[in-house]
Amino acid sequence: MRLVPGFNPLVQKDAAGKECRGNVELPFCKGYCKTSESGTHGFPPRVQISKVCTLVQTSIRKVILDDCDEGAAESIKFVNVPHGSECECSAVPLEQNHS
């Protein structure tokens, strides 16, 4: 679990402009995943297989933002974050429509 730069403190604002703030740790993965590319005789002239190290999400964790303005809406007093303890190499979906 790490604090994400630029999101700590995480600030949520309600419709009345009231804010809740808090530090949120997010699970992250790092590692090596094999990526490959091979040529073909058709179009497009290559086949690319890209994989990245991703979190295997097992649940959602509710994190309470405990530094709230008085009268802040209940809906901004928490944030749901993915939770998991394992990582895996997952394929990156490649955009197929080129306009």
C-alpha atoms as a PDB file:
ATOM      1  CA  MET A   1       0.000   0.000   0.000  1.00  0.00           C
ATOM      2  CA  ARG A   2       1.288   3.442  -0.924  1.00  0.00           C
ATOM      3  CA  LEU A   3       0.128   7.026  -0.767  1.00  0.00           C
ATOM      4  CA  VAL A   4      -0.583   8.215  -4.283  1.00  0.00           C
ATOM      5  CA  PRO A   5       1.213  11.470  -5.178  1.00  0.00           C
ATOM      6  CA  GLY A   6      -1.200  14.278  -5.999  1.00  0.00           C
ATOM      7  CA  PHE A   7      -4.101  12.628  -4.149  1.00  0.00           C
ATOM      8  CA  ASN A   8      -2.950  13.074  -0.565  1.00  0.00           C
ATOM      9  CA  PRO A   9      -4.818  14.527   0.920  1.00  0.00           C
ATOM     10  CA  LEU A  10      -7.737  13.344  -1.195  1.00  0.00           C
ATOM     11  CA  VAL A  11     -10.368  16.105  -1.235  1.00  0.00           C
ATOM     12  CA  GLN A  12     -14.048  15.524  -1.998  1.00  0.00           C
ATOM     13  CA  LYS A  13     -16.499  18.406  -2.290  1.00  0.00           C
ATOM     14  CA  ASP A  14     -20.293  18.331  -1.977  1.00  0.00           C
ATOM     15  CA  ALA A  15     -22.833  20.451  -3.861  1.00  0.00           C
ATOM     16  CA  ALA A  16     -22.715  23.148  -1.145  1.00  0.00           C
ATOM     17  CA  GLY A  17     -18.931  23.483  -1.438  1.00  0.00           C
ATOM     18  CA  LYS A  18     -18.181  21.703   1.855  1.00  0.00           C
ATOM     19  CA  GLU A  19     -15.091  19.483   1.784  1.00  0.00           C
ATOM     20  CA  CYS A  20     -13.766  16.285   3.334  1.00  0.00           C
ATOM     21  CA  ARG A  21     -10.061  15.456   3.264  1.00  0.00           C
ATOM     22  CA  GLY A  22      -7.997  12.426   4.105  1.00  0.00           C
ATOM     23  CA  ASN A  23      -4.912  10.430   3.188  1.00  0.00           C
ATOM     24  CA  VAL A  24      -5.781   7.320   1.211  1.00  0.00           C
ATOM     25  CA  GLU A  25      -3.390   4.449   0.670  1.00  0.00           C
ATOM     26  CA  LEU A  26      -3.961   2.436  -2.484  1.00  0.00           C
ATOM     27  CA  PRO A  27      -2.670  -1.018  -3.305  1.00  0.00           C
ATOM     28  CA  PHE A  28      -0.321  -1.114  -6.259  1.00  0.00           C
ATOM     29  CA  CYS A  29       1.648  -3.664  -8.197  1.00  0.00           C
ATOM     30  CA  LYS A  30       5.047  -3.516  -9.753  1.00  0.00           C
ATOM     31  CA  GLY A  31       6.984  -6.087 -11.639  1.00  0.00           C
ATOM     32  CA  TYR A  32       7.904  -7.473 -15.020  1.00  0.00           C
ATOM     33  CA  CYS A  33       5.404  -8.862 -17.522  1.00  0.00           C
ATOM     34  CA  LYS A  34       6.428 -10.232 -20.904  1.00  0.00           C
ATOM     35  CA  THR A  35       5.407  -8.091 -23.874  1.00  0.00           C
ATOM     36  CA  SER A  36       5.947  -9.148 -27.457  1.00  0.00           C
ATOM     37  CA  GLU A  37       5.400  -8.060 -31.020  1.00  0.00           C
ATOM     38  CA  SER A  38       5.564 -10.091 -34.221  1.00  0.00           C
ATOM     39  CA  GLY A  39       5.252  -9.259 -37.894  1.00  0.00           C
ATOM     40  CA  THR A  40       2.480 -10.598 -40.115  1.00  0.00           C
ATOM     41  CA  HIS A  41       1.763 -10.562 -43.835  1.00  0.00           C
ATOM     42  CA  GLY A  42      -1.673  -8.988 -43.387  1.00  0.00           C
ATOM     43  CA  PHE A  43      -2.865  -5.620 -42.230  1.00  0.00           C
ATOM     44  CA  PRO A  44      -2.024  -4.312 -39.710  1.00  0.00           C
ATOM     45  CA  PRO A  45       1.554  -5.477 -40.343  1.00  0.00           C
ATOM     46  CA  ARG A  46       2.171  -6.526 -36.758  1.00  0.00           C
ATOM     47  CA  VAL A  47       0.605  -8.334 -33.838  1.00  0.00           C
ATOM     48  CA  GLN A  48       1.308  -6.883 -30.426  1.00  0.00           C
ATOM     49  CA  ILE A  49       0.774  -8.605 -27.102  1.00  0.00           C
ATOM     50  CA  SER A  50       1.137  -6.191 -24.204  1.00  0.00           C
ATOM     51  CA  LYS A  51       0.752  -7.185 -20.571  1.00  0.00           C
ATOM     52  CA  VAL A  52       1.026  -5.136 -17.409  1.00  0.00           C
ATOM     53  CA  CYS A  53       1.269  -6.001 -13.738  1.00  0.00           C
ATOM     54  CA  THR A  54      -2.202  -5.413 -12.242  1.00  0.00           C
ATOM     55  CA  LEU A  55      -3.914  -5.859  -8.901  1.00  0.00           C
ATOM     56  CA  VAL A  56      -6.155  -8.881  -8.477  1.00  0.00           C
ATOM     57  CA  GLN A  57      -9.069  -7.145  -6.789  1.00  0.00           C
ATOM     58  CA  THR A  58     -10.694  -9.265  -4.098  1.00  0.00           C
ATOM     59  CA  SER A  59     -12.897  -6.667  -2.420  1.00  0.00           C
ATOM     60  CA  ILE A  60     -13.707  -2.989  -2.020  1.00  0.00           C
ATOM     61  CA  ARG A  61     -12.441  -1.206   1.102  1.00  0.00           C
ATOM     62  CA  LYS A  62     -14.293   1.788   2.555  1.00  0.00           C
ATOM     63  CA  VAL A  63     -11.897   4.532   3.736  1.00  0.00           C
ATOM     64  CA  ILE A  64     -13.278   7.224   6.043  1.00  0.00           C
ATOM     65  CA  LEU A  65     -12.215  10.818   5.284  1.00  0.00           C
ATOM     66  CA  ASP A  66     -12.035  12.189   8.817  1.00  0.00           C
ATOM     67  CA  ASP A  67     -11.181  15.852   8.210  1.00  0.00           C
ATOM     68  CA  CYS A  68     -14.536  17.283   7.117  1.00  0.00           C
ATOM     69  CA  ASP A  69     -16.016  20.770   7.131  1.00  0.00           C
ATOM     70  CA  GLU A  70     -18.942  21.148   9.516  1.00  0.00           C
ATOM     71  CA  GLY A  71     -22.180  20.243   7.754  1.00  0.00           C
ATOM     72  CA  ALA A  72     -20.516  18.265   4.930  1.00  0.00           C
ATOM     73  CA  ALA A  73     -22.773  15.772   3.166  1.00  0.00           C
ATOM     74  CA  GLU A  74     -22.506  12.161   4.389  1.00  0.00           C
ATOM     75  CA  SER A  75     -21.841  11.012   0.805  1.00  0.00           C
ATOM     76  CA  ILE A  76     -18.394  12.696   0.718  1.00  0.00           C
ATOM     77  CA  LYS A  77     -17.185  11.420   4.105  1.00  0.00           C
ATOM     78  CA  PHE A  78     -15.796   8.201   2.651  1.00  0.00           C
ATOM     79  CA  VAL A  79     -14.274   6.755  -0.500  1.00  0.00           C
ATOM     80  CA  ASN A  80     -14.302   3.163  -1.780  1.00  0.00           C
ATOM     81  CA  VAL A  81     -10.958   1.770  -2.983  1.00  0.00           C
ATOM     82  CA  PRO A  82     -10.048  -1.601  -4.518  1.00  0.00           C
ATOM     83  CA  HIS A  83      -8.386  -4.064  -2.187  1.00  0.00           C
ATOM     84  CA  GLY A  84      -6.267  -7.094  -2.966  1.00  0.00           C
ATOM     85  CA  SER A  85      -3.025  -8.743  -1.986  1.00  0.00           C
ATOM     86  CA  GLU A  86      -1.964 -10.382  -5.247  1.00  0.00           C
ATOM     87  CA  CYS A  87      -0.795  -9.143  -8.629  1.00  0.00           C
ATOM     88  CA  GLU A  88      -0.933 -10.752 -12.059  1.00  0.00           C
ATOM     89  CA  CYS A  89       0.123 -10.026 -15.629  1.00  0.00           C
ATOM     90  CA  SER A  90      -2.971  -8.919 -17.559  1.00  0.00           C
ATOM     91  CA  ALA A  91      -3.357  -8.111 -21.243  1.00  0.00           C
ATOM     92  CA  VAL A  92      -3.731  -4.454 -22.162  1.00  0.00           C
ATOM     93  CA  PRO A  93      -6.822  -3.939 -24.330  1.00  0.00           C
ATOM     94  CA  LEU A  94      -5.722  -2.290 -27.560  1.00  0.00           C
ATOM     95  CA  GLU A  95      -7.922   0.205 -29.363  1.00  0.00           C
ATOM     96  CA  GLN A  96      -9.292  -1.421 -32.518  1.00  0.00           C
ATOM     97  CA  ASN A  97     -11.212   1.521 -34.002  1.00  0.00           C
ATOM     98  CA  HIS A  98      -9.001   4.091 -35.666  1.00  0.00           C
ATOM     99  CA  SER A  99     -11.039   7.030 -36.932  1.00  0.00           C
END
